[in-house]
N, C-alpha and C. Protein backbone atom coordinates (compact mmCIF):
# COMPACT_ATOMS: atom_id res chain seq x y z
N UNK A 1 0.86 -1.17 0.00
CA UNK A 1 0.00 0.00 0.00
C UNK A 1 0.90 1.23 0.00
N UNK A 2 0.62 2.16 -0.90
CA UNK A 2 1.42 3.38 -0.97
C UNK A 2 1.10 4.29 0.21
N UNK A 3 1.99 5.21 0.48
CA UNK A 3 1.78 6.11 1.60
C UNK A 3 0.58 7.02 1.35
N UNK A 4 0.28 7.37 0.08
CA UNK A 4 -0.89 8.20 -0.22
C UNK A 4 -2.18 7.45 0.14
N UNK A 5 -2.24 6.17 -0.23
CA UNK A 5 -3.42 5.38 0.10
C UNK A 5 -3.55 5.19 1.60
N UNK A 6 -2.42 4.96 2.26
CA UNK A 6 -2.43 4.80 3.72
C UNK A 6 -2.92 6.08 4.39
N UNK A 7 -2.48 7.23 3.91
CA UNK A 7 -2.93 8.50 4.48
C UNK A 7 -4.43 8.72 4.26
N UNK A 8 -4.91 8.41 3.07
CA UNK A 8 -6.35 8.53 2.81
C UNK A 8 -7.14 7.64 3.75
N UNK A 9 -6.68 6.42 3.91
CA UNK A 9 -7.38 5.47 4.77
C UNK A 9 -7.32 5.90 6.24
N UNK A 10 -6.17 6.37 6.69
CA UNK A 10 -6.06 6.86 8.07
C UNK A 10 -6.94 8.09 8.30
N UNK A 11 -7.02 8.96 7.30
CA UNK A 11 -7.90 10.13 7.42
C UNK A 11 -9.36 9.69 7.47
N UNK A 12 -9.71 8.68 6.69
CA UNK A 12 -11.08 8.15 6.72
C UNK A 12 -11.40 7.57 8.09
N UNK A 13 -10.45 6.87 8.67
CA UNK A 13 -10.64 6.29 10.00
C UNK A 13 -10.78 7.40 11.04
N UNK A 14 -9.94 8.42 10.95
CA UNK A 14 -10.00 9.53 11.91
C UNK A 14 -11.35 10.25 11.81
N UNK A 15 -11.83 10.48 10.59
CA UNK A 15 -13.12 11.15 10.41
C UNK A 15 -14.25 10.29 10.98
N UNK A 16 -14.17 8.99 10.80
CA UNK A 16 -15.20 8.09 11.34
C UNK A 16 -15.16 8.08 12.86
N UNK A 17 -13.97 8.14 13.44
CA UNK A 17 -13.86 8.18 14.91
C UNK A 17 -14.44 9.47 15.46
N UNK A 18 -14.19 10.57 14.78
CA UNK A 18 -14.76 11.85 15.20
C UNK A 18 -16.28 11.79 15.11
N UNK A 19 -16.80 11.27 14.00
CA UNK A 19 -18.24 11.15 13.84
C UNK A 19 -18.88 10.26 14.89
N UNK A 20 -18.25 9.14 15.19
CA UNK A 20 -18.80 8.21 16.17
C UNK A 20 -18.75 8.79 17.58
N UNK A 21 -17.67 9.47 17.91
CA UNK A 21 -17.58 10.11 19.22
C UNK A 21 -18.65 11.20 19.34
N UNK A 22 -18.83 11.97 18.28
CA UNK A 22 -19.86 13.00 18.29
C UNK A 22 -21.25 12.39 18.39
N UNK A 23 -21.43 11.19 17.83
CA UNK A 23 -22.71 10.51 17.93
C UNK A 23 -23.06 10.26 19.39
N UNK A 24 -22.08 9.84 20.16
CA UNK A 24 -22.30 9.64 21.60
C UNK A 24 -22.66 10.97 22.27
N UNK A 25 -21.97 12.03 21.87
CA UNK A 25 -22.19 13.35 22.48
C UNK A 25 -23.48 14.03 22.01
N UNK A 26 -24.05 13.55 20.90
CA UNK A 26 -25.24 14.20 20.33
C UNK A 26 -26.51 13.93 21.14
N UNK A 27 -26.44 12.95 22.05
CA UNK A 27 -27.59 12.61 22.89
C UNK A 27 -28.82 12.32 22.03
N UNK A 28 -28.64 11.36 21.13
CA UNK A 28 -29.76 10.96 20.26
C UNK A 28 -30.14 12.05 19.26
N UNK A 29 -29.16 12.77 18.77
CA UNK A 29 -29.36 13.89 17.83
C UNK A 29 -30.20 15.02 18.43
N UNK A 30 -30.17 15.15 19.75
CA UNK A 30 -30.92 16.24 20.39
C UNK A 30 -30.04 17.46 20.65
N UNK A 31 -28.74 17.34 20.41
CA UNK A 31 -27.81 18.47 20.56
C UNK A 31 -27.27 18.82 19.18
N UNK A 32 -27.43 20.09 18.78
CA UNK A 32 -27.15 20.50 17.40
C UNK A 32 -25.69 20.33 16.99
N UNK A 33 -24.76 20.90 17.72
CA UNK A 33 -23.36 20.88 17.28
C UNK A 33 -22.81 19.46 17.15
N UNK A 34 -22.96 18.60 18.16
CA UNK A 34 -22.46 17.23 17.96
C UNK A 34 -23.18 16.52 16.80
N UNK A 35 -24.45 16.81 16.58
CA UNK A 35 -25.19 16.18 15.48
C UNK A 35 -24.63 16.60 14.14
N UNK A 36 -24.26 17.87 14.01
CA UNK A 36 -23.65 18.35 12.77
C UNK A 36 -22.29 17.68 12.56
N UNK A 37 -21.53 17.54 13.65
CA UNK A 37 -20.22 16.87 13.56
C UNK A 37 -20.37 15.41 13.13
N UNK A 38 -21.43 14.74 13.57
CA UNK A 38 -21.70 13.36 13.15
C UNK A 38 -21.83 13.29 11.64
N UNK A 39 -22.67 14.14 11.09
CA UNK A 39 -22.94 14.11 9.64
C UNK A 39 -21.67 14.45 8.86
N UNK A 40 -20.95 15.47 9.30
CA UNK A 40 -19.72 15.86 8.60
C UNK A 40 -18.66 14.75 8.75
N UNK A 41 -18.52 14.20 9.93
CA UNK A 41 -17.52 13.16 10.16
C UNK A 41 -17.76 11.93 9.32
N UNK A 42 -19.02 11.44 9.32
CA UNK A 42 -19.32 10.26 8.52
C UNK A 42 -19.22 10.56 7.02
N UNK A 43 -19.68 11.74 6.62
CA UNK A 43 -19.57 12.12 5.21
C UNK A 43 -18.13 12.16 4.75
N UNK A 44 -17.28 12.79 5.54
CA UNK A 44 -15.86 12.86 5.21
C UNK A 44 -15.23 11.48 5.19
N UNK A 45 -15.61 10.64 6.14
CA UNK A 45 -15.06 9.30 6.22
C UNK A 45 -15.38 8.49 4.97
N UNK A 46 -16.64 8.51 4.57
CA UNK A 46 -17.01 7.74 3.37
C UNK A 46 -16.38 8.33 2.11
N UNK A 47 -16.27 9.65 2.05
CA UNK A 47 -15.63 10.27 0.89
C UNK A 47 -14.16 9.85 0.80
N UNK A 48 -13.44 9.93 1.93
CA UNK A 48 -12.03 9.56 1.93
C UNK A 48 -11.83 8.07 1.65
N UNK A 49 -12.71 7.24 2.18
CA UNK A 49 -12.64 5.81 1.89
C UNK A 49 -12.88 5.56 0.40
N UNK A 50 -13.84 6.25 -0.17
CA UNK A 50 -14.12 6.12 -1.61
C UNK A 50 -12.92 6.56 -2.45
N UNK A 51 -12.24 7.62 -2.02
CA UNK A 51 -11.07 8.08 -2.76
C UNK A 51 -9.93 7.06 -2.69
N UNK A 52 -9.77 6.42 -1.55
CA UNK A 52 -8.75 5.38 -1.43
C UNK A 52 -9.08 4.20 -2.36
N UNK A 53 -10.36 3.83 -2.41
CA UNK A 53 -10.77 2.75 -3.31
C UNK A 53 -10.57 3.14 -4.77
N UNK A 54 -10.92 4.36 -5.10
CA UNK A 54 -10.78 4.85 -6.48
C UNK A 54 -9.32 4.83 -6.93
N UNK A 55 -8.42 5.08 -6.00
CA UNK A 55 -7.00 5.14 -6.31
C UNK A 55 -6.32 3.76 -6.25
N UNK A 56 -7.12 2.71 -6.04
CA UNK A 56 -6.57 1.37 -6.19
C UNK A 56 -6.49 0.51 -4.95
N UNK A 57 -6.88 1.02 -3.80
CA UNK A 57 -6.85 0.18 -2.61
C UNK A 57 -7.92 -0.89 -2.73
N UNK A 58 -7.55 -2.13 -2.42
CA UNK A 58 -8.51 -3.23 -2.51
C UNK A 58 -9.65 -3.03 -1.51
N UNK A 59 -10.87 -3.28 -1.97
CA UNK A 59 -12.05 -3.03 -1.15
C UNK A 59 -12.03 -3.85 0.14
N UNK A 60 -11.74 -5.13 0.07
CA UNK A 60 -11.75 -5.96 1.26
C UNK A 60 -10.70 -5.53 2.28
N UNK A 61 -9.51 -5.23 1.80
CA UNK A 61 -8.44 -4.78 2.68
C UNK A 61 -8.80 -3.42 3.28
N UNK A 62 -9.27 -2.51 2.44
CA UNK A 62 -9.62 -1.17 2.91
C UNK A 62 -10.71 -1.24 3.98
N UNK A 63 -11.74 -2.01 3.73
CA UNK A 63 -12.83 -2.08 4.68
C UNK A 63 -12.41 -2.79 5.97
N UNK A 64 -11.59 -3.81 5.85
CA UNK A 64 -11.12 -4.51 7.05
C UNK A 64 -10.30 -3.56 7.93
N UNK A 65 -9.42 -2.80 7.33
CA UNK A 65 -8.60 -1.87 8.10
C UNK A 65 -9.47 -0.75 8.66
N UNK A 66 -10.33 -0.17 7.83
CA UNK A 66 -11.19 0.94 8.23
C UNK A 66 -12.11 0.54 9.39
N UNK A 67 -12.77 -0.58 9.24
CA UNK A 67 -13.71 -0.98 10.29
C UNK A 67 -12.97 -1.54 11.51
N UNK A 68 -11.91 -2.29 11.29
CA UNK A 68 -11.18 -2.89 12.41
C UNK A 68 -10.48 -1.86 13.27
N UNK A 69 -9.69 -1.01 12.65
CA UNK A 69 -9.00 0.02 13.43
C UNK A 69 -9.98 1.02 14.02
N UNK A 70 -11.03 1.32 13.27
CA UNK A 70 -12.06 2.21 13.80
C UNK A 70 -12.72 1.63 15.04
N UNK A 71 -13.04 0.35 14.98
CA UNK A 71 -13.69 -0.32 16.12
C UNK A 71 -12.78 -0.32 17.34
N UNK A 72 -11.54 -0.72 17.15
CA UNK A 72 -10.61 -0.77 18.28
C UNK A 72 -10.40 0.62 18.87
N UNK A 73 -10.25 1.62 18.02
CA UNK A 73 -10.03 2.98 18.52
C UNK A 73 -11.25 3.53 19.24
N UNK A 74 -12.44 3.24 18.72
CA UNK A 74 -13.66 3.71 19.38
C UNK A 74 -13.81 3.05 20.74
N UNK A 75 -13.45 1.78 20.85
CA UNK A 75 -13.48 1.12 22.16
C UNK A 75 -12.55 1.84 23.12
N UNK A 76 -11.35 2.16 22.67
CA UNK A 76 -10.40 2.88 23.52
C UNK A 76 -10.91 4.27 23.91
N UNK A 77 -11.52 4.97 22.97
CA UNK A 77 -12.11 6.28 23.27
C UNK A 77 -13.21 6.12 24.31
N UNK A 78 -14.03 5.09 24.16
CA UNK A 78 -15.09 4.84 25.14
C UNK A 78 -14.54 4.61 26.53
N UNK A 79 -13.46 3.86 26.60
CA UNK A 79 -12.85 3.57 27.90
C UNK A 79 -12.21 4.83 28.48
N UNK A 80 -11.47 5.56 27.66
CA UNK A 80 -10.71 6.71 28.16
C UNK A 80 -11.56 7.95 28.40
N UNK A 81 -12.49 8.24 27.51
CA UNK A 81 -13.27 9.48 27.62
C UNK A 81 -14.61 9.31 28.33
N UNK A 82 -15.21 8.13 28.21
CA UNK A 82 -16.56 7.93 28.74
C UNK A 82 -16.60 6.91 29.87
N UNK A 83 -15.44 6.49 30.34
CA UNK A 83 -15.31 5.56 31.45
C UNK A 83 -16.11 4.26 31.25
N UNK A 84 -16.18 3.81 30.00
CA UNK A 84 -16.83 2.55 29.71
C UNK A 84 -15.92 1.42 30.17
N UNK A 85 -16.50 0.33 30.59
CA UNK A 85 -15.75 -0.80 31.13
C UNK A 85 -15.61 -1.90 30.09
N UNK A 86 -14.48 -2.58 30.12
CA UNK A 86 -14.25 -3.73 29.26
C UNK A 86 -14.17 -4.98 30.12
N UNK A 87 -14.80 -6.04 29.64
CA UNK A 87 -14.64 -7.33 30.32
C UNK A 87 -13.72 -8.21 29.47
N UNK A 88 -13.44 -9.39 29.97
CA UNK A 88 -12.52 -10.28 29.28
C UNK A 88 -13.01 -10.63 27.87
N UNK A 89 -14.32 -10.82 27.71
CA UNK A 89 -14.87 -11.12 26.40
C UNK A 89 -14.65 -9.99 25.41
N UNK A 90 -14.81 -8.76 25.88
CA UNK A 90 -14.59 -7.60 25.00
C UNK A 90 -13.13 -7.50 24.58
N UNK A 91 -12.23 -7.72 25.52
CA UNK A 91 -10.80 -7.68 25.20
C UNK A 91 -10.45 -8.79 24.20
N UNK A 92 -10.99 -9.97 24.39
CA UNK A 92 -10.75 -11.07 23.45
C UNK A 92 -11.30 -10.73 22.07
N UNK A 93 -12.48 -10.13 22.03
CA UNK A 93 -13.07 -9.73 20.75
C UNK A 93 -12.23 -8.70 20.03
N UNK A 94 -11.71 -7.74 20.77
CA UNK A 94 -10.85 -6.72 20.16
C UNK A 94 -9.58 -7.37 19.61
N UNK A 95 -9.02 -8.30 20.36
CA UNK A 95 -7.83 -9.01 19.88
C UNK A 95 -8.13 -9.78 18.59
N UNK A 96 -9.31 -10.37 18.51
CA UNK A 96 -9.69 -11.09 17.29
C UNK A 96 -9.87 -10.15 16.11
N UNK A 97 -10.43 -8.96 16.37
CA UNK A 97 -10.57 -7.96 15.30
C UNK A 97 -9.19 -7.59 14.76
N UNK A 98 -8.26 -7.31 15.66
CA UNK A 98 -6.91 -6.95 15.25
C UNK A 98 -6.27 -8.09 14.47
N UNK A 99 -6.39 -9.30 14.97
CA UNK A 99 -5.85 -10.47 14.28
C UNK A 99 -6.47 -10.63 12.90
N UNK A 100 -7.77 -10.43 12.81
CA UNK A 100 -8.45 -10.54 11.52
C UNK A 100 -7.95 -9.53 10.51
N UNK A 101 -7.75 -8.30 10.93
CA UNK A 101 -7.23 -7.26 10.04
C UNK A 101 -5.83 -7.63 9.57
N UNK A 102 -5.01 -8.12 10.47
CA UNK A 102 -3.64 -8.52 10.10
C UNK A 102 -3.67 -9.66 9.09
N UNK A 103 -4.50 -10.67 9.31
CA UNK A 103 -4.57 -11.81 8.40
C UNK A 103 -5.07 -11.38 7.02
N UNK A 104 -6.10 -10.56 6.98
CA UNK A 104 -6.60 -10.07 5.69
C UNK A 104 -5.53 -9.28 4.97
N UNK A 105 -4.84 -8.43 5.69
CA UNK A 105 -3.78 -7.62 5.10
C UNK A 105 -2.66 -8.49 4.54
N UNK A 106 -2.23 -9.47 5.31
CA UNK A 106 -1.13 -10.32 4.88
C UNK A 106 -1.51 -11.24 3.72
N UNK A 107 -2.77 -11.58 3.62
CA UNK A 107 -3.19 -12.51 2.56
C UNK A 107 -3.73 -11.81 1.32
N UNK A 108 -3.74 -10.47 1.33
CA UNK A 108 -4.27 -9.76 0.16
C UNK A 108 -3.28 -9.82 -0.99
N UNK A 109 -3.79 -9.59 -2.16
CA UNK A 109 -2.90 -9.62 -3.35
C UNK A 109 -2.05 -8.38 -3.44
N UNK A 110 -2.26 -7.41 -2.54
CA UNK A 110 -1.45 -6.20 -2.55
C UNK A 110 -0.03 -6.47 -2.05
N UNK A 111 0.19 -7.63 -1.42
CA UNK A 111 1.51 -7.95 -0.86
C UNK A 111 2.31 -8.76 -1.83
């Protein structure tokens, strides 16, 4: 994966994390500013993901990285910012997500 594609994908992940965090803060879309950030964050995320795909990133690899890293990061944000608790099952699930992303990445034809 080229550094340009990696940057697009990382930007897409960052925008999705911002949108998801704002979703929590929007209180069911009852607060205007966080609700606007949700729409902008998700819109930017999908646009950046689409640009990475258009420039040649494999769809399966892109989606695995985007959703996997996004999921793991959102869990960490939940723990650090919102004092959400993790149990052993959640930690095991996160480890499996990470393992799955690594396996998909290593087995893709991009390598």
